Amino acid sequence: MSLSVIILISLALGIIIGGILLLKKSARKFDLTTEQLKRIKKRNKTLDEKERKEKK
């Protein structure tokens, strides 16, 4: 392999890894209130029950 191919491959890998790290760094975390968590759990429970009934 020539030097230019090695440089291009390393540049491409650097861009890909840099993009992944940037996405990881900028990801937001969800700060949910207790009321929101309760609603989510309740909704998931009802959906699970509906799925179980449909499978029978």
PDB file of N, CA and C in Angstrom:
ATOM      1  N   MET A   1       0.841  -1.183   0.000  1.00  0.00           N
ATOM      2  CA  MET A   1       0.000   0.000   0.000  1.00  0.00           C
ATOM      3  C   MET A   1       0.883   1.242   0.000  1.00  0.00           C
ATOM      4  N   SER A   2       0.413   2.214  -0.726  1.00  0.00           N
ATOM      5  CA  SER A   2       1.191   3.439  -0.797  1.00  0.00           C
ATOM      6  C   SER A   2       0.878   4.343   0.387  1.00  0.00           C
ATOM      7  N   LEU A   3       1.686   5.317   0.555  1.00  0.00           N
ATOM      8  CA  LEU A   3       1.543   6.248   1.671  1.00  0.00           C
ATOM      9  C   LEU A   3       0.229   7.019   1.591  1.00  0.00           C
ATOM     10  N   SER A   4      -0.187   7.390   0.377  1.00  0.00           N
ATOM     11  CA  SER A   4      -1.427   8.162   0.233  1.00  0.00           C
ATOM     12  C   SER A   4      -2.647   7.334   0.643  1.00  0.00           C
ATOM     13  N   VAL A   5      -2.637   6.028   0.378  1.00  0.00           N
ATOM     14  CA  VAL A   5      -3.757   5.163   0.766  1.00  0.00           C
ATOM     15  C   VAL A   5      -3.821   5.053   2.282  1.00  0.00           C
ATOM     16  N   ILE A   6      -2.687   4.910   2.916  1.00  0.00           N
ATOM     17  CA  ILE A   6      -2.640   4.826   4.376  1.00  0.00           C
ATOM     18  C   ILE A   6      -3.146   6.124   4.999  1.00  0.00           C
ATOM     19  N   ILE A   7      -2.755   7.247   4.430  1.00  0.00           N
ATOM     20  CA  ILE A   7      -3.218   8.542   4.942  1.00  0.00           C
ATOM     21  C   ILE A   7      -4.725   8.679   4.775  1.00  0.00           C
ATOM     22  N   LEU A   8      -5.249   8.281   3.623  1.00  0.00           N
ATOM     23  CA  LEU A   8      -6.697   8.365   3.392  1.00  0.00           C
ATOM     24  C   LEU A   8      -7.471   7.466   4.350  1.00  0.00           C
ATOM     25  N   ILE A   9      -6.987   6.269   4.576  1.00  0.00           N
ATOM     26  CA  ILE A   9      -7.670   5.347   5.491  1.00  0.00           C
ATOM     27  C   ILE A   9      -7.652   5.899   6.909  1.00  0.00           C
ATOM     28  N   SER A  10      -6.502   6.393   7.345  1.00  0.00           N
ATOM     29  CA  SER A  10      -6.433   6.944   8.701  1.00  0.00           C
ATOM     30  C   SER A  10      -7.287   8.195   8.837  1.00  0.00           C
ATOM     31  N   LEU A  11      -7.372   9.001   7.804  1.00  0.00           N
ATOM     32  CA  LEU A  11      -8.226  10.194   7.830  1.00  0.00           C
ATOM     33  C   LEU A  11      -9.701   9.799   7.930  1.00  0.00           C
ATOM     34  N   ALA A  12     -10.096   8.798   7.149  1.00  0.00           N
ATOM     35  CA  ALA A  12     -11.489   8.341   7.188  1.00  0.00           C
ATOM     36  C   ALA A  12     -11.828   7.768   8.559  1.00  0.00           C
ATOM     37  N   LEU A  13     -10.940   6.956   9.113  1.00  0.00           N
ATOM     38  CA  LEU A  13     -11.181   6.403  10.446  1.00  0.00           C
ATOM     39  C   LEU A  13     -11.250   7.505  11.496  1.00  0.00           C
ATOM     40  N   GLY A  14     -10.401   8.504  11.372  1.00  0.00           N
ATOM     41  CA  GLY A  14     -10.419   9.623  12.313  1.00  0.00           C
ATOM     42  C   GLY A  14     -11.725  10.388  12.259  1.00  0.00           C
ATOM     43  N   ILE A  15     -12.241  10.596  11.066  1.00  0.00           N
ATOM     44  CA  ILE A  15     -13.514  11.314  10.918  1.00  0.00           C
ATOM     45  C   ILE A  15     -14.656  10.499  11.522  1.00  0.00           C
ATOM     46  N   ILE A  16     -14.662   9.202  11.274  1.00  0.00           N
ATOM     47  CA  ILE A  16     -15.728   8.349  11.804  1.00  0.00           C
ATOM     48  C   ILE A  16     -15.671   8.289  13.324  1.00  0.00           C
ATOM     49  N   ILE A  17     -14.505   8.047  13.872  1.00  0.00           N
ATOM     50  CA  ILE A  17     -14.359   7.966  15.335  1.00  0.00           C
ATOM     51  C   ILE A  17     -14.659   9.313  15.979  1.00  0.00           C
ATOM     52  N   GLY A  18     -14.223  10.391  15.365  1.00  0.00           N
ATOM     53  CA  GLY A  18     -14.518  11.721  15.891  1.00  0.00           C
ATOM     54  C   GLY A  18     -16.008  12.017  15.907  1.00  0.00           C
ATOM     55  N   GLY A  19     -16.712  11.607  14.855  1.00  0.00           N
ATOM     56  CA  GLY A  19     -18.154  11.806  14.803  1.00  0.00           C
ATOM     57  C   GLY A  19     -18.887  11.022  15.875  1.00  0.00           C
ATOM     58  N   ILE A  20     -18.448   9.785  16.085  1.00  0.00           N
ATOM     59  CA  ILE A  20     -19.066   8.957  17.120  1.00  0.00           C
ATOM     60  C   ILE A  20     -18.836   9.563  18.501  1.00  0.00           C
ATOM     61  N   LEU A  21     -17.619   9.998  18.761  1.00  0.00           N
ATOM     62  CA  LEU A  21     -17.323  10.605  20.065  1.00  0.00           C
ATOM     63  C   LEU A  21     -18.088  11.910  20.265  1.00  0.00           C
ATOM     64  N   LEU A  22     -18.253  12.684  19.198  1.00  0.00           N
ATOM     65  CA  LEU A  22     -19.020  13.929  19.295  1.00  0.00           C
ATOM     66  C   LEU A  22     -20.480  13.646  19.616  1.00  0.00           C
ATOM     67  N   LEU A  23     -21.056  12.632  18.981  1.00  0.00           N
ATOM     68  CA  LEU A  23     -22.442  12.251  19.278  1.00  0.00           C
ATOM     69  C   LEU A  23     -22.589  11.781  20.717  1.00  0.00           C
ATOM     70  N   LYS A  24     -21.632  11.006  21.175  1.00  0.00           N
ATOM     71  CA  LYS A  24     -21.683  10.511  22.547  1.00  0.00           C
ATOM     72  C   LYS A  24     -21.591  11.656  23.547  1.00  0.00           C
ATOM     73  N   LYS A  25     -20.746  12.623  23.256  1.00  0.00           N
ATOM     74  CA  LYS A  25     -20.551  13.751  24.164  1.00  0.00           C
ATOM     75  C   LYS A  25     -21.781  14.661  24.208  1.00  0.00           C
ATOM     76  N   SER A  26     -22.438  14.827  23.080  1.00  0.00           N
ATOM     77  CA  SER A  26     -23.551  15.774  23.007  1.00  0.00           C
ATOM     78  C   SER A  26     -24.899  15.144  23.321  1.00  0.00           C
ATOM     79  N   ALA A  27     -24.924  13.855  23.634  1.00  0.00           N
ATOM     80  CA  ALA A  27     -26.189  13.191  23.945  1.00  0.00           C
ATOM     81  C   ALA A  27     -26.770  13.762  25.237  1.00  0.00           C
ATOM     82  N   ARG A  28     -28.076  14.012  25.205  1.00  0.00           N
ATOM     83  CA  ARG A  28     -28.737  14.566  26.389  1.00  0.00           C
ATOM     84  C   ARG A  28     -29.324  13.444  27.223  1.00  0.00           C
ATOM     85  N   LYS A  29     -29.329  13.658  28.503  1.00  0.00           N
ATOM     86  CA  LYS A  29     -29.973  12.718  29.408  1.00  0.00           C
ATOM     87  C   LYS A  29     -31.360  13.273  29.736  1.00  0.00           C
ATOM     88  N   PHE A  30     -32.279  12.363  29.969  1.00  0.00           N
ATOM     89  CA  PHE A  30     -33.636  12.778  30.311  1.00  0.00           C
ATOM     90  C   PHE A  30     -33.750  12.950  31.817  1.00  0.00           C
ATOM     91  N   ASP A  31     -34.217  14.114  32.222  1.00  0.00           N
ATOM     92  CA  ASP A  31     -34.495  14.360  33.627  1.00  0.00           C
ATOM     93  C   ASP A  31     -36.010  14.369  33.795  1.00  0.00           C
ATOM     94  N   LEU A  32     -36.558  13.212  34.134  1.00  0.00           N
ATOM     95  CA  LEU A  32     -38.002  13.077  34.251  1.00  0.00           C
ATOM     96  C   LEU A  32     -38.429  13.263  35.701  1.00  0.00           C
ATOM     97  N   THR A  33     -39.593  13.852  35.864  1.00  0.00           N
ATOM     98  CA  THR A  33     -40.149  13.998  37.204  1.00  0.00           C
ATOM     99  C   THR A  33     -40.735  12.656  37.638  1.00  0.00           C
ATOM    100  N   THR A  34     -41.029  12.544  38.913  1.00  0.00           N
ATOM    101  CA  THR A  34     -41.604  11.287  39.422  1.00  0.00           C
ATOM    102  C   THR A  34     -42.975  11.028  38.803  1.00  0.00           C
ATOM    103  N   GLU A  35     -43.740  12.097  38.554  1.00  0.00           N
ATOM    104  CA  GLU A  35     -45.054  11.941  37.936  1.00  0.00           C
ATOM    105  C   GLU A  35     -44.916  11.389  36.517  1.00  0.00           C
ATOM    106  N   GLN A  36     -43.943  11.894  35.772  1.00  0.00           N
ATOM    107  CA  GLN A  36     -43.729  11.400  34.419  1.00  0.00           C
ATOM    108  C   GLN A  36     -43.310   9.934  34.437  1.00  0.00           C
ATOM    109  N   LEU A  37     -42.451   9.560  35.367  1.00  0.00           N
ATOM    110  CA  LEU A  37     -42.030   8.165  35.478  1.00  0.00           C
ATOM    111  C   LEU A  37     -43.208   7.257  35.790  1.00  0.00           C
ATOM    112  N   LYS A  38     -44.101   7.721  36.680  1.00  0.00           N
ATOM    113  CA  LYS A  38     -45.286   6.925  37.023  1.00  0.00           C
ATOM    114  C   LYS A  38     -46.166   6.720  35.802  1.00  0.00           C
ATOM    115  N   ARG A  39     -46.360   7.787  35.018  1.00  0.00           N
ATOM    116  CA  ARG A  39     -47.196   7.668  33.820  1.00  0.00           C
ATOM    117  C   ARG A  39     -46.579   6.722  32.801  1.00  0.00           C
ATOM    118  N   ILE A  40     -45.264   6.789  32.651  1.00  0.00           N
ATOM    119  CA  ILE A  40     -44.588   5.907  31.701  1.00  0.00           C
ATOM    120  C   ILE A  40     -44.732   4.456  32.126  1.00  0.00           C
ATOM    121  N   LYS A  41     -44.527   4.190  33.412  1.00  0.00           N
ATOM    122  CA  LYS A  41     -44.644   2.817  33.910  1.00  0.00           C
ATOM    123  C   LYS A  41     -46.070   2.297  33.749  1.00  0.00           C
ATOM    124  N   LYS A  42     -47.054   3.162  34.018  1.00  0.00           N
ATOM    125  CA  LYS A  42     -48.455   2.762  33.884  1.00  0.00           C
ATOM    126  C   LYS A  42     -48.791   2.459  32.425  1.00  0.00           C
ATOM    127  N   ARG A  43     -48.324   3.299  31.520  1.00  0.00           N
ATOM    128  CA  ARG A  43     -48.587   3.100  30.090  1.00  0.00           C
ATOM    129  C   ARG A  43     -47.919   1.816  29.598  1.00  0.00           C
ATOM    130  N   ASN A  44     -46.686   1.568  30.041  1.00  0.00           N
ATOM    131  CA  ASN A  44     -46.009   0.336  29.646  1.00  0.00           C
ATOM    132  C   ASN A  44     -46.736  -0.894  30.168  1.00  0.00           C
ATOM    133  N   LYS A  45     -47.241  -0.810  31.369  1.00  0.00           N
ATOM    134  CA  LYS A  45     -47.965  -1.938  31.953  1.00  0.00           C
ATOM    135  C   LYS A  45     -49.231  -2.239  31.152  1.00  0.00           C
ATOM    136  N   THR A  46     -49.989  -1.195  30.807  1.00  0.00           N
ATOM    137  CA  THR A  46     -51.217  -1.411  30.038  1.00  0.00           C
ATOM    138  C   THR A  46     -50.900  -1.958  28.646  1.00  0.00           C
ATOM    139  N   LEU A  47     -49.834  -1.470  28.030  1.00  0.00           N
ATOM    140  CA  LEU A  47     -49.479  -1.976  26.705  1.00  0.00           C
ATOM    141  C   LEU A  47     -49.050  -3.433  26.775  1.00  0.00           C
ATOM    142  N   ASP A  48     -48.319  -3.793  27.813  1.00  0.00           N
ATOM    143  CA  ASP A  48     -47.907  -5.188  27.982  1.00  0.00           C
ATOM    144  C   ASP A  48     -49.118  -6.092  28.173  1.00  0.00           C
ATOM    145  N   GLU A  49     -50.101  -5.628  28.941  1.00  0.00           N
ATOM    146  CA  GLU A  49     -51.310  -6.412  29.149  1.00  0.00           C
ATOM    147  C   GLU A  49     -52.077  -6.592  27.842  1.00  0.00           C
ATOM    148  N   LYS A  50     -52.154  -5.538  27.042  1.00  0.00           N
ATOM    149  CA  LYS A  50     -52.849  -5.632  25.753  1.00  0.00           C
ATOM    150  C   LYS A  50     -52.144  -6.619  24.834  1.00  0.00           C
ATOM    151  N   GLU A  51     -50.811  -6.582  24.833  1.00  0.00           N
ATOM    152  CA  GLU A  51     -50.059  -7.505  23.976  1.00  0.00           C
ATOM    153  C   GLU A  51     -50.279  -8.950  24.411  1.00  0.00           C
ATOM    154  N   ARG A  52     -50.327  -9.196  25.721  1.00  0.00           N
ATOM    155  CA  ARG A  52     -50.546 -10.552  26.216  1.00  0.00           C
ATOM    156  C   ARG A  52     -51.929 -11.051  25.802  1.00  0.00           C
ATOM    157  N   LYS A  53     -52.935 -10.166  25.882  1.00  0.00           N
ATOM    158  CA  LYS A  53     -54.287 -10.561  25.511  1.00  0.00           C
ATOM    159  C   LYS A  53     -54.380 -10.861  24.016  1.00  0.00           C
ATOM    160  N   GLU A  54     -53.658 -10.086  23.190  1.00  0.00           N
ATOM    161  CA  GLU A  54     -53.701 -10.303  21.744  1.00  0.00           C
ATOM    162  C   GLU A  54     -53.012 -11.602  21.336  1.00  0.00           C
ATOM    163  N   LYS A  55     -51.999 -12.009  22.093  1.00  0.00           N
ATOM    164  CA  LYS A  55     -51.269 -13.240  21.755  1.00  0.00           C
ATOM    165  C   LYS A  55     -52.101 -14.484  22.073  1.00  0.00           C
ATOM    166  N   LYS A  56     -53.034 -14.382  22.996  1.00  0.00           N
ATOM    167  CA  LYS A  56     -53.839 -15.544  23.386  1.00  0.00           C
ATOM    168  C   LYS A  56     -54.856 -15.886  22.367  1.00  0.00           C
TER     169      LYS A  56
END
